[in-house]
Amino acid sequence: QGILTAILSCVSAGDEVVIIEPAYD
């Protein structure tokens, strides 16, 4: 829930988010 809330608080439509795979689902 902390992860989701953090992402929703700062990411808007069109923003890019870098993740490193293999990654938590």
PDB file of all heavy atoms in Angstrom:
ATOM      1  N   GLN A   1       0.837  -1.209   0.000  1.00  0.00           N
ATOM      2  CA  GLN A   1       0.000   0.000   0.000  1.00  0.00           C
ATOM      3  C   GLN A   1       0.869   1.256   0.000  1.00  0.00           C
ATOM      4  O   GLN A   1       0.553   2.247  -0.662  1.00  0.00           O
ATOM      5  CB  GLN A   1      -0.942   0.020   1.198  1.00  0.00           C
ATOM      6  CG  GLN A   1      -1.899   1.220   1.197  1.00  0.00           C
ATOM      7  CD  GLN A   1      -1.579   2.266   2.254  1.00  0.00           C
ATOM      8  OE1 GLN A   1      -1.302   1.930   3.407  1.00  0.00           O
ATOM      9  NE2 GLN A   1      -1.603   3.536   1.875  1.00  0.00           N
ATOM     10  N   GLY A   2       1.979   1.208   0.719  1.00  0.00           N
ATOM     11  CA  GLY A   2       2.887   2.339   0.710  1.00  0.00           C
ATOM     12  C   GLY A   2       3.441   2.616  -0.672  1.00  0.00           C
ATOM     13  O   GLY A   2       3.561   3.770  -1.104  1.00  0.00           O
ATOM     14  N   ILE A   3       3.766   1.536  -1.393  1.00  0.00           N
ATOM     15  CA  ILE A   3       4.288   1.676  -2.754  1.00  0.00           C
ATOM     16  C   ILE A   3       3.244   2.305  -3.667  1.00  0.00           C
ATOM     17  O   ILE A   3       3.525   3.264  -4.401  1.00  0.00           O
ATOM     18  CB  ILE A   3       4.737   0.304  -3.292  1.00  0.00           C
ATOM     19  CG1 ILE A   3       5.973  -0.185  -2.539  1.00  0.00           C
ATOM     20  CG2 ILE A   3       5.005   0.362  -4.800  1.00  0.00           C
ATOM     21  CD1 ILE A   3       6.290  -1.651  -2.754  1.00  0.00           C
ATOM     22  N   LEU A   4       2.023   1.767  -3.646  1.00  0.00           N
ATOM     23  CA  LEU A   4       0.957   2.300  -4.497  1.00  0.00           C
ATOM     24  C   LEU A   4       0.695   3.765  -4.185  1.00  0.00           C
ATOM     25  O   LEU A   4       0.584   4.603  -5.094  1.00  0.00           O
ATOM     26  CB  LEU A   4      -0.323   1.485  -4.307  1.00  0.00           C
ATOM     27  CG  LEU A   4      -1.583   2.042  -4.978  1.00  0.00           C
ATOM     28  CD1 LEU A   4      -1.411   2.099  -6.488  1.00  0.00           C
ATOM     29  CD2 LEU A   4      -2.810   1.222  -4.604  1.00  0.00           C
ATOM     30  N   THR A   5       0.591   4.105  -2.918  1.00  0.00           N
ATOM     31  CA  THR A   5       0.282   5.475  -2.533  1.00  0.00           C
ATOM     32  C   THR A   5       1.392   6.430  -2.939  1.00  0.00           C
ATOM     33  O   THR A   5       1.127   7.546  -3.416  1.00  0.00           O
ATOM     34  CB  THR A   5       0.022   5.549  -1.019  1.00  0.00           C
ATOM     35  OG1 THR A   5      -1.038   4.652  -0.684  1.00  0.00           O
ATOM     36  CG2 THR A   5      -0.357   6.953  -0.586  1.00  0.00           C
ATOM     37  N   ALA A   6       2.639   6.009  -2.770  1.00  0.00           N
ATOM     38  CA  ALA A   6       3.761   6.856  -3.179  1.00  0.00           C
ATOM     39  C   ALA A   6       3.716   7.122  -4.674  1.00  0.00           C
ATOM     40  O   ALA A   6       3.908   8.261  -5.130  1.00  0.00           O
ATOM     41  CB  ALA A   6       5.085   6.205  -2.791  1.00  0.00           C
ATOM     42  N   ILE A   7       3.436   6.091  -5.449  1.00  0.00           N
ATOM     43  CA  ILE A   7       3.376   6.253  -6.904  1.00  0.00           C
ATOM     44  C   ILE A   7       2.220   7.172  -7.292  1.00  0.00           C
ATOM     45  O   ILE A   7       2.375   8.097  -8.103  1.00  0.00           O
ATOM     46  CB  ILE A   7       3.249   4.875  -7.581  1.00  0.00           C
ATOM     47  CG1 ILE A   7       4.560   4.094  -7.416  1.00  0.00           C
ATOM     48  CG2 ILE A   7       2.893   5.022  -9.068  1.00  0.00           C
ATOM     49  CD1 ILE A   7       4.477   2.644  -7.821  1.00  0.00           C
ATOM     50  N   LEU A   8       1.042   6.944  -6.707  1.00  0.00           N
ATOM     51  CA  LEU A   8      -0.110   7.791  -7.027  1.00  0.00           C
ATOM     52  C   LEU A   8       0.112   9.242  -6.630  1.00  0.00           C
ATOM     53  O   LEU A   8      -0.457  10.156  -7.234  1.00  0.00           O
ATOM     54  CB  LEU A   8      -1.358   7.258  -6.324  1.00  0.00           C
ATOM     55  CG  LEU A   8      -1.924   5.931  -6.830  1.00  0.00           C
ATOM     56  CD1 LEU A   8      -3.072   5.467  -5.946  1.00  0.00           C
ATOM     57  CD2 LEU A   8      -2.380   6.041  -8.279  1.00  0.00           C
ATOM     58  N   SER A   9       0.962   9.468  -5.634  1.00  0.00           N
ATOM     59  CA  SER A   9       1.172  10.832  -5.146  1.00  0.00           C
ATOM     60  C   SER A   9       2.086  11.657  -6.045  1.00  0.00           C
ATOM     61  O   SER A   9       2.082  12.889  -5.948  1.00  0.00           O
ATOM     62  CB  SER A   9       1.757  10.807  -3.735  1.00  0.00           C
ATOM     63  OG  SER A   9       3.118  10.390  -3.733  1.00  0.00           O
ATOM     64  N   CYS A  10       2.856  11.005  -6.904  1.00  0.00           N
ATOM     65  CA  CYS A  10       3.835  11.784  -7.679  1.00  0.00           C
ATOM     66  C   CYS A  10       3.837  11.503  -9.177  1.00  0.00           C
ATOM     67  O   CYS A  10       4.449  12.259  -9.938  1.00  0.00           O
ATOM     68  CB  CYS A  10       5.249  11.566  -7.126  1.00  0.00           C
ATOM     69  SG  CYS A  10       5.914   9.905  -7.337  1.00  0.00           S
ATOM     70  N   VAL A  11       3.170  10.442  -9.619  1.00  0.00           N
ATOM     71  CA  VAL A  11       3.184  10.076 -11.043  1.00  0.00           C
ATOM     72  C   VAL A  11       1.874  10.492 -11.691  1.00  0.00           C
ATOM     73  O   VAL A  11       0.786  10.163 -11.194  1.00  0.00           O
ATOM     74  CB  VAL A  11       3.413   8.567 -11.217  1.00  0.00           C
ATOM     75  CG1 VAL A  11       3.316   8.177 -12.698  1.00  0.00           C
ATOM     76  CG2 VAL A  11       4.771   8.168 -10.644  1.00  0.00           C
ATOM     77  N   SER A  12       1.959  11.215 -12.797  1.00  0.00           N
ATOM     78  CA  SER A  12       0.788  11.654 -13.551  1.00  0.00           C
ATOM     79  C   SER A  12       0.825  11.056 -14.946  1.00  0.00           C
ATOM     80  O   SER A  12       1.817  10.429 -15.353  1.00  0.00           O
ATOM     81  CB  SER A  12       0.755  13.187 -13.638  1.00  0.00           C
ATOM     82  OG  SER A  12       0.711  13.761 -12.345  1.00  0.00           O
ATOM     83  N   ALA A  13      -0.252  11.262 -15.686  1.00  0.00           N
ATOM     84  CA  ALA A  13      -0.351  10.710 -17.041  1.00  0.00           C
ATOM     85  C   ALA A  13       0.830  11.173 -17.892  1.00  0.00           C
ATOM     86  O   ALA A  13       1.147  12.362 -17.943  1.00  0.00           O
ATOM     87  CB  ALA A  13      -1.669  11.137 -17.681  1.00  0.00           C
ATOM     88  N   GLY A  14       1.475  10.220 -18.525  1.00  0.00           N
ATOM     89  CA  GLY A  14       2.595  10.524 -19.401  1.00  0.00           C
ATOM     90  C   GLY A  14       3.952  10.501 -18.724  1.00  0.00           C
ATOM     91  O   GLY A  14       4.985  10.455 -19.406  1.00  0.00           O
ATOM     92  N   ASP A  15       3.979  10.523 -17.386  1.00  0.00           N
ATOM     93  CA  ASP A  15       5.260  10.434 -16.685  1.00  0.00           C
ATOM     94  C   ASP A  15       5.877   9.053 -16.876  1.00  0.00           C
ATOM     95  O   ASP A  15       5.158   8.045 -16.960  1.00  0.00           O
ATOM     96  CB  ASP A  15       5.073  10.671 -15.184  1.00  0.00           C
ATOM     97  CG  ASP A  15       4.794  12.116 -14.840  1.00  0.00           C
ATOM     98  OD1 ASP A  15       5.059  12.987 -15.692  1.00  0.00           O
ATOM     99  OD2 ASP A  15       4.310  12.381 -13.722  1.00  0.00           O
ATOM    100  N   GLU A  16       7.189   9.014 -16.910  1.00  0.00           N
ATOM    101  CA  GLU A  16       7.884   7.732 -17.049  1.00  0.00           C
ATOM    102  C   GLU A  16       8.462   7.302 -15.707  1.00  0.00           C
ATOM    103  O   GLU A  16       8.994   8.130 -14.945  1.00  0.00           O
ATOM    104  CB  GLU A  16       8.993   7.843 -18.097  1.00  0.00           C
ATOM    105  CG  GLU A  16       8.447   8.075 -19.497  1.00  0.00           C
ATOM    106  CD  GLU A  16       9.500   8.044 -20.580  1.00  0.00           C
ATOM    107  OE1 GLU A  16      10.702   7.896 -20.249  1.00  0.00           O
ATOM    108  OE2 GLU A  16       9.141   8.176 -21.757  1.00  0.00           O
ATOM    109  N   VAL A  17       8.336   6.008 -15.442  1.00  0.00           N
ATOM    110  CA  VAL A  17       8.846   5.434 -14.193  1.00  0.00           C
ATOM    111  C   VAL A  17       9.773   4.278 -14.543  1.00  0.00           C
ATOM    112  O   VAL A  17       9.372   3.340 -15.236  1.00  0.00           O
ATOM    113  CB  VAL A  17       7.708   4.937 -13.294  1.00  0.00           C
ATOM    114  CG1 VAL A  17       8.275   4.375 -11.994  1.00  0.00           C
ATOM    115  CG2 VAL A  17       6.723   6.061 -13.001  1.00  0.00           C
ATOM    116  N   VAL A  18      10.985   4.354 -14.057  1.00  0.00           N
ATOM    117  CA  VAL A  18      11.988   3.323 -14.340  1.00  0.00           C
ATOM    118  C   VAL A  18      11.922   2.251 -13.261  1.00  0.00           C
ATOM    119  O   VAL A  18      11.993   2.562 -12.061  1.00  0.00           O
ATOM    120  CB  VAL A  18      13.403   3.931 -14.403  1.00  0.00           C
ATOM    121  CG1 VAL A  18      14.439   2.832 -14.658  1.00  0.00           C
ATOM    122  CG2 VAL A  18      13.473   5.002 -15.488  1.00  0.00           C
ATOM    123  N   ILE A  19      11.762   1.012 -13.684  1.00  0.00           N
ATOM    124  CA  ILE A  19      11.844  -0.122 -12.768  1.00  0.00           C
ATOM    125  C   ILE A  19      12.916  -1.070 -13.271  1.00  0.00           C
ATOM    126  O   ILE A  19      13.298  -1.033 -14.445  1.00  0.00           O
ATOM    127  CB  ILE A  19      10.498  -0.866 -12.614  1.00  0.00           C
ATOM    128  CG1 ILE A  19      10.114  -1.574 -13.924  1.00  0.00           C
ATOM    129  CG2 ILE A  19       9.394   0.106 -12.185  1.00  0.00           C
ATOM    130  CD1 ILE A  19       8.897  -2.485 -13.781  1.00  0.00           C
ATOM    131  N   ILE A  20      13.396  -1.903 -12.377  1.00  0.00           N
ATOM    132  CA  ILE A  20      14.443  -2.869 -12.731  1.00  0.00           C
ATOM    133  C   ILE A  20      13.869  -4.268 -12.585  1.00  0.00           C
ATOM    134  O   ILE A  20      13.461  -4.675 -11.498  1.00  0.00           O
ATOM    135  CB  ILE A  20      15.682  -2.702 -11.839  1.00  0.00           C
ATOM    136  CG1 ILE A  20      16.205  -1.263 -11.906  1.00  0.00           C
ATOM    137  CG2 ILE A  20      16.778  -3.682 -12.256  1.00  0.00           C
ATOM    138  CD1 ILE A  20      17.352  -0.971 -10.937  1.00  0.00           C
ATOM    139  N   GLU A  21      13.794  -4.989 -13.686  1.00  0.00           N
ATOM    140  CA  GLU A  21      13.282  -6.364 -13.667  1.00  0.00           C
ATOM    141  C   GLU A  21      14.421  -7.355 -13.512  1.00  0.00           C
ATOM    142  O   GLU A  21      15.533  -7.086 -13.983  1.00  0.00           O
ATOM    143  CB  GLU A  21      12.505  -6.651 -14.951  1.00  0.00           C
ATOM    144  CG  GLU A  21      11.231  -5.838 -15.065  1.00  0.00           C
ATOM    145  CD  GLU A  21      10.422  -6.204 -16.297  1.00  0.00           C
ATOM    146  OE1 GLU A  21      11.037  -6.434 -17.363  1.00  0.00           O
ATOM    147  OE2 GLU A  21       9.186  -6.271 -16.210  1.00  0.00           O
ATOM    148  N   PRO A  22      14.155  -8.510 -12.842  1.00  0.00           N
ATOM    149  CA  PRO A  22      12.892  -8.952 -12.286  1.00  0.00           C
ATOM    150  C   PRO A  22      12.441  -8.048 -11.142  1.00  0.00           C
ATOM    151  O   PRO A  22      13.247  -7.646 -10.308  1.00  0.00           O
ATOM    152  CB  PRO A  22      13.178 -10.374 -11.805  1.00  0.00           C
ATOM    153  CG  PRO A  22      14.659 -10.409 -11.566  1.00  0.00           C
ATOM    154  CD  PRO A  22      15.247  -9.506 -12.600  1.00  0.00           C
ATOM    155  N   ALA A  23      11.132  -7.733 -11.115  1.00  0.00           N
ATOM    156  CA  ALA A  23      10.619  -6.736 -10.177  1.00  0.00           C
ATOM    157  C   ALA A  23       9.396  -7.261  -9.444  1.00  0.00           C
ATOM    158  O   ALA A  23       8.611  -8.047  -9.997  1.00  0.00           O
ATOM    159  CB  ALA A  23      10.251  -5.454 -10.926  1.00  0.00           C
ATOM    160  N   TYR A  24       9.227  -6.813  -8.219  1.00  0.00           N
ATOM    161  CA  TYR A  24       8.032  -7.136  -7.433  1.00  0.00           C
ATOM    162  C   TYR A  24       6.798  -6.789  -8.252  1.00  0.00           C
ATOM    163  O   TYR A  24       6.738  -5.745  -8.904  1.00  0.00           O
ATOM    164  CB  TYR A  24       8.073  -6.345  -6.124  1.00  0.00           C
ATOM    165  CG  TYR A  24       6.910  -6.576  -5.205  1.00  0.00           C
ATOM    166  CD1 TYR A  24       6.519  -7.855  -4.827  1.00  0.00           C
ATOM    167  CD2 TYR A  24       6.192  -5.498  -4.686  1.00  0.00           C
ATOM    168  CE1 TYR A  24       5.454  -8.060  -3.968  1.00  0.00           C
ATOM    169  CE2 TYR A  24       5.131  -5.688  -3.821  1.00  0.00           C
ATOM    170  CZ  TYR A  24       4.757  -6.976  -3.478  1.00  0.00           C
ATOM    171  OH  TYR A  24       3.702  -7.168  -2.627  1.00  0.00           O
ATOM    172  N   ASP A  25       5.809  -7.666  -8.219  1.00  0.00           N
ATOM    173  CA  ASP A  25       4.742  -7.587  -9.202  1.00  0.00           C
ATOM    174  C   ASP A  25       3.770  -6.435  -9.008  1.00  0.00           C
ATOM    175  O   ASP A  25       2.948  -6.159  -9.882  1.00  0.00           O
ATOM    176  CB  ASP A  25       3.969  -8.908  -9.269  1.00  0.00           C
ATOM    177  CG  ASP A  25       3.230  -9.247  -7.981  1.00  0.00           C
ATOM    178  OD1 ASP A  25       3.478  -8.602  -6.953  1.00  0.00           O
ATOM    179  OD2 ASP A  25       2.414 -10.195  -8.012  1.00  0.00           O
TER     180      ASP A  25
END
